Amino acid sequence: MKAIQIHEFGPPEVMHLEDLPDVTASTGEAVVRIDAVGVNPVDTYIRSGVYAFLPQLPYVPGGDAAGVVEAVGEGADGLTVGQRVYLAGCVGGRLTDAYAERVVRPVHELFPLPDNVSFAEGAAIGVPYATAYRGLIHRGRCQPGETLFIHGASGAVGTASIQLARAQGLTVIGSAGTEKGQALVREQGAHHVLDHSREGYLDELRELTGGNGPDLILEMLANVNLANDLAVVARYGRIVVIGNRGNTEINPRDAMTRDADVLGLALWNCSDAELASIHAGLGAGLLNGTLKPVIGREMPLAEAAQAHAAVLEPGAYGKIILVP
């Protein structure tokens, strides 16, 4: 089978499309023929060697994908050959193996993909939607009627957060740095959209919240924005750090005067019970149409290096998908 393999950590060019042995299912496992693979920023951090947990070399990158069950091992209860499924990064602590024509996974790491959801959309579920769900529900403790500010809402996690937050009854304010991104945020259901490339947009945020600030902020680039978040969040507000690319300096007094919480988020810290609740909620939302992943771009698997460069570019728009 064809797969992207990495023999050394480094720039995108260390990824190569190679022929690897076909995978087989053991007890409690299933082989999935992959139809679409989701590209996540975390894939690039692992590939470059800067992530907290690194796989043994060589390895096949990627944790999110969708496809069809091709074979099942003994004890693979609940799965049948021909069933549509999606794979989700961080379930079972796994963030690798998906950039391939086939993968083998334990049954509990595979989730039903409803017929109304395409394979590309299925590959966009795992890390982005689980992150958004955990940020809003588990870490952010959102409540209906609260105001949410998504600081960088046009990427995969941002659009997932808009959809989930609207379903939870929140007032949603999202920001993006391009006209295309702002249009997407608006299309996904945000009540208000801000241009975070323009000076004074945080003053607009204050005005939209009656001077109180948002109750909850989902922050996609904390090294740039965290200090500003602390200066605008509401009293007793929460800031959930989802993305960060470096060090930053804050004034702790901004947190003190508001009794504000700054909360980190990493999917690998989820318990099995939390992951089960996340994917139960996501499955229901996919089935009833509340959740609809946004696909920004589809590329051949052989262009994984270009995809890794694109996923970190400014002006995020939906999800980048690789097609084997």
Protein backbone atom coordinates (compact mmCIF):
# COMPACT_ATOMS: atom_id res chain seq x y z
CA MET A 1 0.00 0.00 0.00
CA LYS A 2 1.03 3.63 -0.49
CA ALA A 3 1.70 5.77 2.56
CA ILE A 4 3.61 8.87 3.61
CA GLN A 5 6.57 7.89 5.74
CA ILE A 6 8.95 10.03 7.78
CA HIS A 7 12.48 8.79 8.54
CA GLU A 8 13.76 11.92 10.28
CA PHE A 9 12.17 14.92 11.97
CA GLY A 10 12.45 18.15 10.03
CA PRO A 11 10.78 20.36 7.40
CA PRO A 12 7.87 19.22 5.21
CA GLU A 13 10.31 17.76 2.67
CA VAL A 14 11.13 14.86 5.02
CA MET A 15 7.78 13.31 4.04
CA HIS A 16 7.90 10.79 1.20
CA LEU A 17 5.24 8.66 -0.48
CA GLU A 18 6.45 5.05 -0.18
CA ASP A 19 5.27 1.47 -0.65
CA LEU A 20 4.63 -0.18 2.71
CA PRO A 21 3.35 -3.68 3.58
CA ASP A 22 -0.42 -4.08 3.71
CA VAL A 23 -1.90 -4.02 7.20
CA THR A 24 -3.92 -6.91 8.67
CA ALA A 25 -6.48 -7.02 11.48
CA SER A 26 -5.77 -8.87 14.71
CA THR A 27 -8.27 -9.65 17.47
CA GLY A 28 -10.51 -6.68 18.19
CA GLU A 29 -9.21 -4.70 15.20
CA ALA A 30 -10.43 -3.64 11.76
CA VAL A 31 -8.70 -2.64 8.54
CA VAL A 32 -10.06 0.59 7.06
CA ARG A 33 -9.58 1.62 3.44
CA ILE A 34 -8.89 5.34 3.67
CA ASP A 35 -10.81 7.69 1.37
CA ALA A 36 -9.80 11.01 2.97
CA VAL A 37 -7.21 12.22 5.51
CA GLY A 38 -7.44 15.36 7.64
CA VAL A 39 -4.36 17.59 7.99
CA ASN A 40 -3.95 19.18 11.43
CA PRO A 41 -1.37 21.68 12.71
CA VAL A 42 -0.34 19.09 15.31
CA ASP A 43 0.82 16.86 12.43
CA THR A 44 3.36 19.54 11.51
CA TYR A 45 4.60 19.94 15.08
CA ILE A 46 5.24 16.21 15.36
CA ARG A 47 6.92 16.06 11.95
CA SER A 48 9.26 18.93 12.85
CA GLY A 49 10.26 17.26 16.13
CA VAL A 50 9.02 20.02 18.48
CA TYR A 51 5.95 18.27 19.89
CA ALA A 52 5.77 17.08 23.50
CA PHE A 53 5.37 13.44 22.45
CA LEU A 54 7.26 12.09 19.45
CA PRO A 55 6.76 8.72 17.72
CA GLN A 56 9.55 6.28 17.04
CA LEU A 57 11.09 6.72 13.59
CA PRO A 58 10.17 5.89 10.90
CA TYR A 59 6.48 6.63 11.18
CA VAL A 60 3.39 7.44 9.12
CA PRO A 61 1.88 10.80 10.19
CA GLY A 62 -1.72 11.76 10.85
CA GLY A 63 -4.52 10.84 13.22
CA ASP A 64 -7.72 11.89 11.43
CA ALA A 65 -9.24 10.06 8.44
CA ALA A 66 -12.41 8.49 7.08
CA GLY A 67 -13.12 5.46 4.95
CA VAL A 68 -14.72 2.03 4.74
CA VAL A 69 -14.12 -1.06 6.86
CA GLU A 70 -12.40 -3.57 4.59
CA ALA A 71 -11.70 -6.44 7.02
CA VAL A 72 -12.37 -7.26 10.67
CA GLY A 73 -10.54 -9.49 13.12
CA GLU A 74 -12.05 -11.79 15.69
CA GLY A 75 -13.92 -9.98 18.42
CA ALA A 76 -14.39 -6.82 16.33
CA ASP A 77 -17.93 -6.51 17.64
CA GLY A 78 -20.10 -3.73 16.29
CA LEU A 79 -18.27 -3.33 12.97
CA THR A 80 -19.07 -4.89 9.62
CA VAL A 81 -17.23 -5.01 6.31
CA GLY A 82 -18.42 -2.14 4.14
CA GLN A 83 -19.31 0.12 7.08
CA ARG A 84 -18.40 3.83 6.78
CA VAL A 85 -16.28 5.09 9.70
CA TYR A 86 -14.07 7.94 10.79
CA LEU A 87 -10.81 7.84 12.76
CA ALA A 88 -10.07 10.49 15.37
CA GLY A 89 -6.65 11.65 16.51
CA CYS A 90 -5.83 11.30 20.23
CA VAL A 91 -8.31 8.44 20.72
CA GLY A 92 -6.12 5.75 22.22
CA GLY A 93 -3.34 8.33 22.45
CA ARG A 94 -2.79 8.00 18.70
CA LEU A 95 -1.73 10.86 16.41
CA THR A 96 -0.07 8.81 13.66
CA ASP A 97 -0.67 6.24 10.88
CA ALA A 98 -3.47 7.95 8.90
CA TYR A 99 -1.55 9.28 5.85
CA ALA A 100 -1.98 5.96 4.07
CA GLU A 101 -4.24 3.96 1.78
CA ARG A 102 -5.17 1.64 4.67
CA VAL A 103 -4.90 1.61 8.44
CA VAL A 104 -5.61 -0.92 11.15
CA ARG A 105 -7.26 0.27 14.35
CA PRO A 106 -8.90 -1.22 17.45
CA VAL A 107 -12.69 -1.18 17.24
CA HIS A 108 -13.04 1.44 19.99
CA GLU A 109 -10.98 3.91 17.92
CA LEU A 110 -13.46 3.84 15.02
CA PHE A 111 -16.71 5.80 14.91
CA PRO A 112 -19.73 5.44 12.59
CA LEU A 113 -19.86 7.96 9.73
CA PRO A 114 -23.46 8.82 8.85
CA ASP A 115 -24.48 8.52 5.21
CA ASN A 116 -25.19 12.27 5.05
CA VAL A 117 -21.52 13.04 5.80
CA SER A 118 -18.90 12.77 3.04
CA PHE A 119 -15.54 11.08 3.56
CA ALA A 120 -13.79 14.46 3.31
CA GLU A 121 -16.10 15.81 6.00
CA GLY A 122 -15.51 12.69 8.07
CA ALA A 123 -11.75 13.26 7.91
CA ALA A 124 -12.34 16.79 9.24
CA ILE A 125 -14.08 15.66 12.42
CA GLY A 126 -11.47 14.13 14.75
CA VAL A 127 -9.05 16.67 16.19
CA PRO A 128 -10.90 19.88 15.19
CA TYR A 129 -14.34 18.94 16.47
CA ALA A 130 -13.07 17.12 19.54
CA THR A 131 -10.94 20.18 20.38
CA ALA A 132 -13.87 22.53 19.90
CA TYR A 133 -16.14 20.32 22.02
CA ARG A 134 -13.60 20.01 24.82
CA GLY A 135 -12.84 23.73 24.69
CA LEU A 136 -16.49 24.73 24.94
CA ILE A 137 -17.97 22.03 27.16
CA HIS A 138 -15.25 20.42 29.27
CA ARG A 139 -12.78 23.28 29.77
CA GLY A 140 -14.84 26.38 28.97
CA ARG A 141 -17.94 25.25 30.89
CA CYS A 142 -20.15 27.20 28.49
CA GLN A 143 -23.74 27.94 29.43
CA PRO A 144 -26.70 28.87 27.19
CA GLY A 145 -27.08 32.63 26.99
CA GLU A 146 -23.37 33.38 27.41
CA THR A 147 -21.29 35.28 24.88
CA LEU A 148 -18.42 33.48 23.17
CA PHE A 149 -15.53 35.12 21.29
CA ILE A 150 -13.61 32.82 18.94
CA HIS A 151 -10.29 34.57 18.35
CA GLY A 152 -9.46 33.12 14.93
CA ALA A 153 -12.70 31.48 13.81
CA SER A 154 -12.15 30.66 10.13
CA GLY A 155 -10.02 27.53 10.59
CA ALA A 156 -11.26 24.00 11.20
CA VAL A 157 -11.46 24.33 15.00
CA GLY A 158 -13.04 27.76 14.68
CA THR A 159 -15.85 26.70 12.37
CA ALA A 160 -16.49 23.62 14.49
CA SER A 161 -16.72 25.88 17.55
CA ILE A 162 -19.27 28.15 15.85
CA GLN A 163 -21.52 25.21 14.98
CA LEU A 164 -21.28 23.66 18.45
CA ALA A 165 -21.77 26.99 20.24
CA ARG A 166 -24.87 27.88 18.23
CA ALA A 167 -26.32 24.49 19.10
CA GLN A 168 -25.63 25.23 22.78
CA GLY A 169 -27.46 28.57 22.70
CA LEU A 170 -24.49 30.93 22.93
CA THR A 171 -24.12 34.33 21.29
CA VAL A 172 -21.12 33.87 19.00
CA ILE A 173 -18.59 36.52 17.95
CA GLY A 174 -15.85 35.31 15.62
CA SER A 175 -12.81 36.93 14.09
CA ALA A 176 -10.84 36.35 10.91
CA GLY A 177 -8.07 38.19 9.10
CA THR A 178 -9.33 38.07 5.50
CA GLU A 179 -12.58 38.95 3.76
CA LYS A 180 -12.95 35.32 2.65
CA GLY A 181 -12.44 34.10 6.21
CA GLN A 182 -14.88 36.63 7.61
CA ALA A 183 -17.51 35.57 5.08
CA LEU A 184 -17.03 31.94 6.14
CA VAL A 185 -17.41 32.81 9.83
CA ARG A 186 -20.63 34.63 9.02
CA GLU A 187 -21.92 31.75 6.89
CA GLN A 188 -21.29 29.31 9.72
CA GLY A 189 -23.65 31.22 11.97
CA ALA A 190 -21.62 33.71 14.00
CA HIS A 191 -23.84 36.56 15.20
CA HIS A 192 -21.03 39.09 14.75
CA VAL A 193 -17.76 38.98 12.78
CA LEU A 194 -14.63 41.04 13.47
CA ASP A 195 -11.52 41.68 11.36
CA HIS A 196 -8.61 40.88 13.66
CA SER A 197 -6.14 42.35 11.16
CA ARG A 198 -7.64 45.80 11.71
CA GLU A 199 -6.65 48.10 14.55
CA GLY A 200 -9.41 48.71 17.06
CA TYR A 201 -11.30 45.44 16.59
CA LEU A 202 -11.15 44.72 20.32
CA ASP A 203 -12.92 48.01 20.96
CA GLU A 204 -15.70 46.69 18.72
CA LEU A 205 -15.75 43.52 20.82
CA ARG A 206 -16.29 45.59 23.96
CA GLU A 207 -19.11 47.50 22.31
CA LEU A 208 -20.82 44.30 21.12
CA THR A 209 -20.80 42.99 24.68
CA GLY A 210 -22.11 46.19 26.27
CA GLY A 211 -18.70 46.94 27.74
CA ASN A 212 -18.67 43.70 29.73
CA GLY A 213 -16.52 41.57 27.44
CA PRO A 214 -17.20 37.96 26.36
CA ASP A 215 -17.85 35.31 29.00
CA LEU A 216 -15.71 32.78 27.15
CA ILE A 217 -12.84 33.16 24.69
CA LEU A 218 -11.43 30.36 22.55
CA GLU A 219 -7.89 31.46 21.67
CA MET A 220 -6.16 30.05 18.57
CA LEU A 221 -2.88 32.02 18.79
CA ALA A 222 -2.11 32.71 22.44
CA ASN A 223 1.45 33.96 21.95
CA VAL A 224 0.02 36.91 20.00
CA ASN A 225 -3.37 37.45 21.64
CA LEU A 226 -3.46 36.22 25.25
CA ALA A 227 -2.54 39.56 26.85
CA ASN A 228 -5.30 41.28 24.86
CA ASP A 229 -7.78 38.53 25.77
CA LEU A 230 -7.14 39.13 29.45
CA ALA A 231 -7.82 42.83 28.96
CA VAL A 232 -11.26 42.27 27.37
CA VAL A 233 -12.70 39.08 28.91
CA ALA A 234 -15.70 39.49 31.21
CA ARG A 235 -15.54 39.34 35.00
CA TYR A 236 -15.39 35.65 36.00
CA GLY A 237 -14.69 34.90 32.33
CA ARG A 238 -12.70 31.99 30.95
CA ILE A 239 -10.02 31.92 28.25
CA VAL A 240 -9.28 28.51 26.72
CA VAL A 241 -5.90 28.32 25.00
CA ILE A 242 -6.26 26.06 21.96
CA GLY A 243 -3.32 27.23 19.81
CA ASN A 244 0.09 28.73 20.62
CA ARG A 245 3.38 29.11 18.75
CA GLY A 246 5.74 30.74 21.22
CA ASN A 247 6.23 32.66 24.45
CA THR A 248 4.22 35.70 25.49
CA GLU A 249 4.04 38.27 28.27
CA ILE A 250 0.86 39.03 30.22
CA ASN A 251 -0.15 41.29 33.08
CA PRO A 252 -1.52 38.97 35.80
CA ARG A 253 -3.45 41.92 37.27
CA ASP A 254 -5.85 41.69 34.31
CA ALA A 255 -6.75 38.19 35.46
CA MET A 256 -6.88 39.23 39.12
CA THR A 257 -9.25 42.17 38.64
CA ARG A 258 -11.67 39.97 36.70
CA ASP A 259 -11.27 36.70 38.62
CA ALA A 260 -10.62 35.33 35.13
CA ASP A 261 -9.42 31.81 34.34
CA VAL A 262 -6.83 30.92 31.70
CA LEU A 263 -7.27 27.26 30.79
CA GLY A 264 -5.00 25.09 28.71
CA LEU A 265 -6.32 22.35 26.44
CA ALA A 266 -4.67 19.22 25.10
CA LEU A 267 -6.71 16.31 23.78
CA TRP A 268 -4.23 13.75 25.11
CA ASN A 269 -5.35 14.73 28.64
CA CYS A 270 -8.89 13.47 27.95
CA SER A 271 -9.99 10.44 29.90
CA ASP A 272 -11.59 7.55 28.04
CA ALA A 273 -14.94 8.64 29.45
CA GLU A 274 -14.47 12.20 28.21
CA LEU A 275 -13.50 11.00 24.73
CA ALA A 276 -16.54 8.75 24.65
CA SER A 277 -18.80 11.65 25.59
CA ILE A 278 -17.18 13.90 22.96
CA HIS A 279 -17.72 11.46 20.12
CA ALA A 280 -21.22 10.56 21.27
CA GLY A 281 -22.10 14.25 21.08
CA LEU A 282 -20.37 14.72 17.74
CA GLY A 283 -22.03 11.65 16.28
CA ALA A 284 -25.47 12.98 17.20
CA GLY A 285 -24.69 16.39 15.71
CA LEU A 286 -23.45 14.86 12.45
CA LEU A 287 -26.50 12.66 12.15
CA ASN A 288 -29.03 15.47 12.70
CA GLY A 289 -27.14 17.93 10.51
CA THR A 290 -26.24 20.39 13.28
CA LEU A 291 -22.54 19.80 12.55
CA LYS A 292 -21.21 20.18 9.02
CA PRO A 293 -17.39 20.26 8.60
CA VAL A 294 -16.06 22.90 6.21
CA ILE A 295 -13.59 21.67 3.61
CA GLY A 296 -11.23 24.36 2.44
CA ARG A 297 -9.00 22.38 0.09
CA GLU A 298 -8.45 18.82 -1.16
CA MET A 299 -5.00 17.64 -2.27
CA PRO A 300 -3.48 14.30 -3.37
CA LEU A 301 -1.72 12.31 -0.64
CA ALA A 302 1.54 12.74 -2.56
CA GLU A 303 1.31 16.50 -1.87
CA ALA A 304 1.46 16.09 1.91
CA ALA A 305 4.49 18.42 2.12
CA GLN A 306 2.57 21.24 0.45
CA ALA A 307 -0.38 20.56 2.74
CA HIS A 308 1.84 20.91 5.81
CA ALA A 309 3.05 24.29 4.58
CA ALA A 310 -0.49 25.44 3.77
CA VAL A 311 -2.05 24.46 7.11
CA LEU A 312 0.19 26.94 8.97
CA GLU A 313 -0.30 29.86 6.59
CA PRO A 314 -2.21 32.94 7.84
CA GLY A 315 -5.81 33.29 6.72
CA ALA A 316 -7.01 29.81 7.64
CA TYR A 317 -10.11 28.66 5.76
CA GLY A 318 -11.75 25.37 6.67
CA LYS A 319 -10.00 22.01 6.58
CA ILE A 320 -7.23 20.73 4.34
CA ILE A 321 -7.87 17.17 3.17
CA LEU A 322 -5.48 14.65 1.58
CA VAL A 323 -6.92 12.08 -0.81
CA PRO A 324 -5.03 8.74 -1.17
